[in-house]
Amino acid sequence: MPLDREVKSKLRDRVSLANKSNADEVIAEVEAARATLDPDDKDYARLTGWIEDVQHVAGGKVIGRTGDPGAQADGMA
């Protein structure tokens, strides 16, 4: 069963605002929500991508408009 729309919206907001100081907390929230889903669910795959994005943020990377996890904060790739 897919995630509730409100839960998904809240998580999306948390992921988009994640920074190095709260990345571990955000990852834990997304992992908890993902644990309630069947691995075949499209939201499971979506949340997996969000976890990967926040892991990049935790490592100091900046996720740009292109979603390039290799982008640097100063714009230099």
PDB file of N, CA and C in Angstrom:
ATOM      1  N   MET A   1       0.844  -1.182   0.000  1.00  0.00           N
ATOM      2  CA  MET A   1       0.000   0.000   0.000  1.00  0.00           C
ATOM      3  C   MET A   1       0.891   1.247   0.000  1.00  0.00           C
ATOM      4  N   PRO A   2       0.656   2.182  -0.917  1.00  0.00           N
ATOM      5  CA  PRO A   2       1.484   3.395  -0.988  1.00  0.00           C
ATOM      6  C   PRO A   2       1.381   4.242   0.277  1.00  0.00           C
ATOM      7  N   LEU A   3       2.343   5.106   0.428  1.00  0.00           N
ATOM      8  CA  LEU A   3       2.332   6.015   1.569  1.00  0.00           C
ATOM      9  C   LEU A   3       1.173   6.992   1.480  1.00  0.00           C
ATOM     10  N   ASP A   4       0.684   7.376   2.641  1.00  0.00           N
ATOM     11  CA  ASP A   4      -0.328   8.409   2.727  1.00  0.00           C
ATOM     12  C   ASP A   4       0.241   9.701   2.131  1.00  0.00           C
ATOM     13  N   ARG A   5      -0.577  10.422   1.421  1.00  0.00           N
ATOM     14  CA  ARG A   5      -0.154  11.652   0.740  1.00  0.00           C
ATOM     15  C   ARG A   5       0.479  12.668   1.693  1.00  0.00           C
ATOM     16  N   GLU A   6      -0.107  12.826   2.870  1.00  0.00           N
ATOM     17  CA  GLU A   6       0.419  13.788   3.836  1.00  0.00           C
ATOM     18  C   GLU A   6       1.776  13.359   4.384  1.00  0.00           C
ATOM     19  N   VAL A   7       1.928  12.067   4.621  1.00  0.00           N
ATOM     20  CA  VAL A   7       3.210  11.543   5.109  1.00  0.00           C
ATOM     21  C   VAL A   7       4.288  11.754   4.052  1.00  0.00           C
ATOM     22  N   LYS A   8       3.950  11.443   2.809  1.00  0.00           N
ATOM     23  CA  LYS A   8       4.905  11.608   1.716  1.00  0.00           C
ATOM     24  C   LYS A   8       5.312  13.074   1.571  1.00  0.00           C
ATOM     25  N   SER A   9       4.342  13.975   1.683  1.00  0.00           N
ATOM     26  CA  SER A   9       4.620  15.399   1.567  1.00  0.00           C
ATOM     27  C   SER A   9       5.549  15.872   2.694  1.00  0.00           C
ATOM     28  N   LYS A  10       5.274  15.424   3.906  1.00  0.00           N
ATOM     29  CA  LYS A  10       6.113  15.800   5.055  1.00  0.00           C
ATOM     30  C   LYS A  10       7.541  15.300   4.861  1.00  0.00           C
ATOM     31  N   LEU A  11       7.677  14.050   4.442  1.00  0.00           N
ATOM     32  CA  LEU A  11       9.007  13.490   4.226  1.00  0.00           C
ATOM     33  C   LEU A  11       9.737  14.222   3.100  1.00  0.00           C
ATOM     34  N   ARG A  12       9.032  14.532   2.023  1.00  0.00           N
ATOM     35  CA  ARG A  12       9.648  15.245   0.910  1.00  0.00           C
ATOM     36  C   ARG A  12      10.182  16.595   1.376  1.00  0.00           C
ATOM     37  N   ASP A  13       9.412  17.291   2.202  1.00  0.00           N
ATOM     38  CA  ASP A  13       9.861  18.573   2.741  1.00  0.00           C
ATOM     39  C   ASP A  13      11.103  18.399   3.610  1.00  0.00           C
ATOM     40  N   ARG A  14      11.092  17.371   4.458  1.00  0.00           N
ATOM     41  CA  ARG A  14      12.242  17.106   5.337  1.00  0.00           C
ATOM     42  C   ARG A  14      13.496  16.803   4.506  1.00  0.00           C
ATOM     43  N   VAL A  15      13.325  16.015   3.453  1.00  0.00           N
ATOM     44  CA  VAL A  15      14.464  15.661   2.598  1.00  0.00           C
ATOM     45  C   VAL A  15      14.993  16.904   1.883  1.00  0.00           C
ATOM     46  N   SER A  16      14.102  17.722   1.367  1.00  0.00           N
ATOM     47  CA  SER A  16      14.551  18.897   0.613  1.00  0.00           C
ATOM     48  C   SER A  16      15.231  19.932   1.502  1.00  0.00           C
ATOM     49  N   LEU A  17      14.934  19.919   2.790  1.00  0.00           N
ATOM     50  CA  LEU A  17      15.547  20.869   3.721  1.00  0.00           C
ATOM     51  C   LEU A  17      16.682  20.246   4.540  1.00  0.00           C
ATOM     52  N   ALA A  18      17.044  19.018   4.216  1.00  0.00           N
ATOM     53  CA  ALA A  18      18.090  18.324   4.982  1.00  0.00           C
ATOM     54  C   ALA A  18      19.432  19.035   4.835  1.00  0.00           C
ATOM     55  N   ASN A  19      20.174  19.032   5.927  1.00  0.00           N
ATOM     56  CA  ASN A  19      21.522  19.572   5.920  1.00  0.00           C
ATOM     57  C   ASN A  19      22.405  18.650   6.768  1.00  0.00           C
ATOM     58  N   LYS A  20      23.673  18.962   6.835  1.00  0.00           N
ATOM     59  CA  LYS A  20      24.596  18.064   7.543  1.00  0.00           C
ATOM     60  C   LYS A  20      24.211  17.858   9.003  1.00  0.00           C
ATOM     61  N   SER A  21      23.621  18.858   9.631  1.00  0.00           N
ATOM     62  CA  SER A  21      23.307  18.736  11.058  1.00  0.00           C
ATOM     63  C   SER A  21      22.090  17.864  11.346  1.00  0.00           C
ATOM     64  N   ASN A  22      21.172  17.708  10.381  1.00  0.00           N
ATOM     65  CA  ASN A  22      19.982  16.891  10.641  1.00  0.00           C
ATOM     66  C   ASN A  22      19.841  15.696   9.697  1.00  0.00           C
ATOM     67  N   ALA A  23      20.861  15.438   8.887  1.00  0.00           N
ATOM     68  CA  ALA A  23      20.782  14.382   7.870  1.00  0.00           C
ATOM     69  C   ALA A  23      20.497  13.015   8.484  1.00  0.00           C
ATOM     70  N   ASP A  24      21.155  12.678   9.575  1.00  0.00           N
ATOM     71  CA  ASP A  24      20.937  11.356  10.188  1.00  0.00           C
ATOM     72  C   ASP A  24      19.491  11.198  10.659  1.00  0.00           C
ATOM     73  N   GLU A  25      18.936  12.247  11.219  1.00  0.00           N
ATOM     74  CA  GLU A  25      17.549  12.217  11.687  1.00  0.00           C
ATOM     75  C   GLU A  25      16.579  12.050  10.514  1.00  0.00           C
ATOM     76  N   VAL A  26      16.830  12.775   9.433  1.00  0.00           N
ATOM     77  CA  VAL A  26      15.969  12.697   8.253  1.00  0.00           C
ATOM     78  C   VAL A  26      16.060  11.298   7.634  1.00  0.00           C
ATOM     79  N   ILE A  27      17.268  10.766   7.536  1.00  0.00           N
ATOM     80  CA  ILE A  27      17.444   9.421   6.997  1.00  0.00           C
ATOM     81  C   ILE A  27      16.663   8.413   7.832  1.00  0.00           C
ATOM     82  N   ALA A  28      16.725   8.540   9.152  1.00  0.00           N
ATOM     83  CA  ALA A  28      16.005   7.616  10.031  1.00  0.00           C
ATOM     84  C   ALA A  28      14.493   7.704   9.808  1.00  0.00           C
ATOM     85  N   GLU A  29      13.971   8.907   9.623  1.00  0.00           N
ATOM     86  CA  GLU A  29      12.536   9.077   9.378  1.00  0.00           C
ATOM     87  C   GLU A  29      12.122   8.420   8.063  1.00  0.00           C
ATOM     88  N   VAL A  30      12.918   8.636   7.026  1.00  0.00           N
ATOM     89  CA  VAL A  30      12.590   8.067   5.715  1.00  0.00           C
ATOM     90  C   VAL A  30      12.722   6.545   5.757  1.00  0.00           C
ATOM     91  N   GLU A  31      13.765   6.043   6.428  1.00  0.00           N
ATOM     92  CA  GLU A  31      13.923   4.587   6.543  1.00  0.00           C
ATOM     93  C   GLU A  31      12.753   3.962   7.301  1.00  0.00           C
ATOM     94  N   ALA A  32      12.268   4.640   8.339  1.00  0.00           N
ATOM     95  CA  ALA A  32      11.130   4.115   9.104  1.00  0.00           C
ATOM     96  C   ALA A  32       9.888   4.030   8.220  1.00  0.00           C
ATOM     97  N   ALA A  33       9.659   5.043   7.421  1.00  0.00           N
ATOM     98  CA  ALA A  33       8.506   5.028   6.510  1.00  0.00           C
ATOM     99  C   ALA A  33       8.690   3.950   5.446  1.00  0.00           C
ATOM    100  N   ARG A  34       9.898   3.816   4.933  1.00  0.00           N
ATOM    101  CA  ARG A  34      10.165   2.816   3.895  1.00  0.00           C
ATOM    102  C   ARG A  34       9.967   1.401   4.428  1.00  0.00           C
ATOM    103  N   ALA A  35      10.255   1.190   5.703  1.00  0.00           N
ATOM    104  CA  ALA A  35      10.120  -0.136   6.312  1.00  0.00           C
ATOM    105  C   ALA A  35       8.668  -0.619   6.327  1.00  0.00           C
ATOM    106  N   THR A  36       7.724   0.297   6.190  1.00  0.00           N
ATOM    107  CA  THR A  36       6.306  -0.073   6.191  1.00  0.00           C
ATOM    108  C   THR A  36       5.814  -0.480   4.809  1.00  0.00           C
ATOM    109  N   LEU A  37       6.679  -0.344   3.802  1.00  0.00           N
ATOM    110  CA  LEU A  37       6.267  -0.578   2.415  1.00  0.00           C
ATOM    111  C   LEU A  37       6.803  -1.890   1.872  1.00  0.00           C
ATOM    112  N   ASP A  38       6.105  -2.409   0.894  1.00  0.00           N
ATOM    113  CA  ASP A  38       6.551  -3.585   0.156  1.00  0.00           C
ATOM    114  C   ASP A  38       7.653  -3.137  -0.813  1.00  0.00           C
ATOM    115  N   PRO A  39       8.753  -3.885  -0.917  1.00  0.00           N
ATOM    116  CA  PRO A  39       9.833  -3.493  -1.832  1.00  0.00           C
ATOM    117  C   PRO A  39       9.391  -3.306  -3.286  1.00  0.00           C
ATOM    118  N   ASP A  40       8.256  -3.863  -3.668  1.00  0.00           N
ATOM    119  CA  ASP A  40       7.751  -3.682  -5.023  1.00  0.00           C
ATOM    120  C   ASP A  40       6.956  -2.387  -5.196  1.00  0.00           C
ATOM    121  N   ASP A  41       6.683  -1.702  -4.096  1.00  0.00           N
ATOM    122  CA  ASP A  41       5.897  -0.468  -4.122  1.00  0.00           C
ATOM    123  C   ASP A  41       6.725   0.663  -4.734  1.00  0.00           C
ATOM    124  N   LYS A  42       6.109   1.490  -5.579  1.00  0.00           N
ATOM    125  CA  LYS A  42       6.839   2.596  -6.208  1.00  0.00           C
ATOM    126  C   LYS A  42       7.325   3.601  -5.164  1.00  0.00           C
ATOM    127  N   ASP A  43       6.601   3.750  -4.059  1.00  0.00           N
ATOM    128  CA  ASP A  43       7.060   4.655  -3.006  1.00  0.00           C
ATOM    129  C   ASP A  43       8.304   4.121  -2.307  1.00  0.00           C
ATOM    130  N   TYR A  44       8.470   2.806  -2.257  1.00  0.00           N
ATOM    131  CA  TYR A  44       9.678   2.210  -1.675  1.00  0.00           C
ATOM    132  C   TYR A  44      10.892   2.675  -2.479  1.00  0.00           C
ATOM    133  N   ALA A  45      10.793   2.599  -3.786  1.00  0.00           N
ATOM    134  CA  ALA A  45      11.894   3.038  -4.651  1.00  0.00           C
ATOM    135  C   ALA A  45      12.129   4.537  -4.508  1.00  0.00           C
ATOM    136  N   ARG A  46      11.061   5.305  -4.421  1.00  0.00           N
ATOM    137  CA  ARG A  46      11.181   6.759  -4.263  1.00  0.00           C
ATOM    138  C   ARG A  46      11.910   7.096  -2.968  1.00  0.00           C
ATOM    139  N   LEU A  47      11.518   6.443  -1.871  1.00  0.00           N
ATOM    140  CA  LEU A  47      12.148   6.717  -0.581  1.00  0.00           C
ATOM    141  C   LEU A  47      13.608   6.275  -0.569  1.00  0.00           C
ATOM    142  N   THR A  48      13.908   5.208  -1.278  1.00  0.00           N
ATOM    143  CA  THR A  48      15.302   4.770  -1.379  1.00  0.00           C
ATOM    144  C   THR A  48      16.144   5.862  -2.035  1.00  0.00           C
ATOM    145  N   GLY A  49      15.622   6.471  -3.066  1.00  0.00           N
ATOM    146  CA  GLY A  49      16.314   7.586  -3.726  1.00  0.00           C
ATOM    147  C   GLY A  49      16.488   8.771  -2.806  1.00  0.00           C
ATOM    148  N   TRP A  50      15.468   9.053  -2.010  1.00  0.00           N
ATOM    149  CA  TRP A  50      15.565  10.161  -1.059  1.00  0.00           C
ATOM    150  C   TRP A  50      16.637   9.893  -0.017  1.00  0.00           C
ATOM    151  N   ILE A  51      16.718   8.660   0.448  1.00  0.00           N
ATOM    152  CA  ILE A  51      17.756   8.297   1.421  1.00  0.00           C
ATOM    153  C   ILE A  51      19.135   8.524   0.803  1.00  0.00           C
ATOM    154  N   GLU A  52      19.311   8.106  -0.431  1.00  0.00           N
ATOM    155  CA  GLU A  52      20.591   8.307  -1.112  1.00  0.00           C
ATOM    156  C   GLU A  52      20.912   9.791  -1.244  1.00  0.00           C
ATOM    157  N   ASP A  53      19.918  10.609  -1.567  1.00  0.00           N
ATOM    158  CA  ASP A  53      20.129  12.048  -1.673  1.00  0.00           C
ATOM    159  C   ASP A  53      20.604  12.636  -0.345  1.00  0.00           C
ATOM    160  N   VAL A  54      19.938  12.253   0.740  1.00  0.00           N
ATOM    161  CA  VAL A  54      20.300  12.801   2.052  1.00  0.00           C
ATOM    162  C   VAL A  54      21.665  12.277   2.490  1.00  0.00           C
ATOM    163  N   GLN A  55      22.023  11.062   2.112  1.00  0.00           N
ATOM    164  CA  GLN A  55      23.352  10.549   2.423  1.00  0.00           C
ATOM    165  C   GLN A  55      24.422  11.397   1.733  1.00  0.00           C
ATOM    166  N   HIS A  56      24.141  11.849   0.518  1.00  0.00           N
ATOM    167  CA  HIS A  56      25.078  12.736  -0.172  1.00  0.00           C
ATOM    168  C   HIS A  56      25.196  14.065   0.565  1.00  0.00           C
ATOM    169  N   VAL A  57      24.076  14.592   1.023  1.00  0.00           N
ATOM    170  CA  VAL A  57      24.083  15.840   1.782  1.00  0.00           C
ATOM    171  C   VAL A  57      24.902  15.663   3.056  1.00  0.00           C
ATOM    172  N   ALA A  58      24.719  14.539   3.728  1.00  0.00           N
ATOM    173  CA  ALA A  58      25.470  14.260   4.957  1.00  0.00           C
ATOM    174  C   ALA A  58      26.965  14.227   4.690  1.00  0.00           C
ATOM    175  N   GLY A  59      27.334  13.816   3.487  1.00  0.00           N
ATOM    176  CA  GLY A  59      28.740  13.761   3.106  1.00  0.00           C
ATOM    177  C   GLY A  59      29.282  15.084   2.587  1.00  0.00           C
ATOM    178  N   GLY A  60      28.452  16.119   2.591  1.00  0.00           N
ATOM    179  CA  GLY A  60      28.904  17.444   2.179  1.00  0.00           C
ATOM    180  C   GLY A  60      28.611  17.795   0.740  1.00  0.00           C
ATOM    181  N   LYS A  61      27.913  16.940   0.021  1.00  0.00           N
ATOM    182  CA  LYS A  61      27.575  17.222  -1.371  1.00  0.00           C
ATOM    183  C   LYS A  61      26.323  18.083  -1.435  1.00  0.00           C
ATOM    184  N   VAL A  62      26.170  18.794  -2.532  1.00  0.00           N
ATOM    185  CA  VAL A  62      24.993  19.621  -2.767  1.00  0.00           C
ATOM    186  C   VAL A  62      24.214  18.996  -3.905  1.00  0.00           C
ATOM    187  N   ILE A  63      22.948  18.719  -3.668  1.00  0.00           N
ATOM    188  CA  ILE A  63      22.097  18.175  -4.717  1.00  0.00           C
ATOM    189  C   ILE A  63      21.502  19.352  -5.473  1.00  0.00           C
ATOM    190  N   GLY A  64      21.884  19.485  -6.733  1.00  0.00           N
ATOM    191  CA  GLY A  64      21.416  20.598  -7.547  1.00  0.00           C
ATOM    192  C   GLY A  64      20.121  20.290  -8.250  1.00  0.00           C
ATOM    193  N   ARG A  65      19.725  21.186  -9.103  1.00  0.00           N
ATOM    194  CA  ARG A  65      18.481  21.014  -9.847  1.00  0.00           C
ATOM    195  C   ARG A  65      18.513  19.770 -10.715  1.00  0.00           C
ATOM    196  N   THR A  66      19.673  19.394 -11.161  1.00  0.00           N
ATOM    197  CA  THR A  66      19.783  18.219 -12.016  1.00  0.00           C
ATOM    198  C   THR A  66      19.800  16.947 -11.186  1.00  0.00           C
ATOM    199  N   GLY A  67      19.867  17.071  -9.861  1.00  0.00           N
ATOM    200  CA  GLY A  67      19.923  15.909  -9.002  1.00  0.00           C
ATOM    201  C   GLY A  67      21.305  15.291  -8.973  1.00  0.00           C
ATOM    202  N   ASP A  68      22.306  16.015  -9.478  1.00  0.00           N
ATOM    203  CA  ASP A  68      23.666  15.504  -9.536  1.00  0.00           C
ATOM    204  C   ASP A  68      24.287  15.495  -8.140  1.00  0.00           C
ATOM    205  N   PRO A  69      24.456  14.307  -7.567  1.00  0.00           N
ATOM    206  CA  PRO A  69      25.026  14.236  -6.232  1.00  0.00           C
ATOM    207  C   PRO A  69      26.501  14.605  -6.201  1.00  0.00           C
ATOM    208  N   GLY A  70      27.132  14.783  -7.361  1.00  0.00           N
ATOM    209  CA  GLY A  70      28.541  15.154  -7.400  1.00  0.00           C
ATOM    210  C   GLY A  70      28.763  16.639  -7.426  1.00  0.00           C
ATOM    211  N   ALA A  71      27.695  17.426  -7.497  1.00  0.00           N
ATOM    212  CA  ALA A  71      27.842  18.872  -7.560  1.00  0.00           C
ATOM    213  C   ALA A  71      28.450  19.401  -6.264  1.00  0.00           C
ATOM    214  N   GLN A  72      29.289  20.378  -6.415  1.00  0.00           N
ATOM    215  CA  GLN A  72      29.943  20.985  -5.264  1.00  0.00           C
ATOM    216  C   GLN A  72      29.212  22.274  -4.887  1.00  0.00           C
ATOM    217  N   ALA A  73      29.363  22.679  -3.660  1.00  0.00           N
ATOM    218  CA  ALA A  73      28.676  23.879  -3.167  1.00  0.00           C
ATOM    219  C   ALA A  73      29.101  25.121  -3.947  1.00  0.00           C
ATOM    220  N   ASP A  74      30.335  25.163  -4.420  1.00  0.00           N
ATOM    221  CA  ASP A  74      30.812  26.339  -5.145  1.00  0.00           C
ATOM    222  C   ASP A  74      30.497  26.301  -6.639  1.00  0.00           C
ATOM    223  N   GLY A  75      29.752  25.285  -7.071  1.00  0.00           N
ATOM    224  CA  GLY A  75      29.363  25.166  -8.460  1.00  0.00           C
ATOM    225  C   GLY A  75      30.364  24.443  -9.307  1.00  0.00           C
ATOM    226  N   MET A  76      31.480  24.058  -8.724  1.00  0.00           N
ATOM    227  CA  MET A  76      32.520  23.348  -9.458  1.00  0.00           C
ATOM    228  C   MET A  76      32.279  21.844  -9.328  1.00  0.00           C
ATOM    229  N   ALA A  77      32.202  21.161 -10.440  1.00  0.00           N
ATOM    230  CA  ALA A  77      31.969  19.709 -10.405  1.00  0.00           C
ATOM    231  C   ALA A  77      33.248  18.951 -10.174  1.00  0.00           C
TER     232      ALA A  77
END
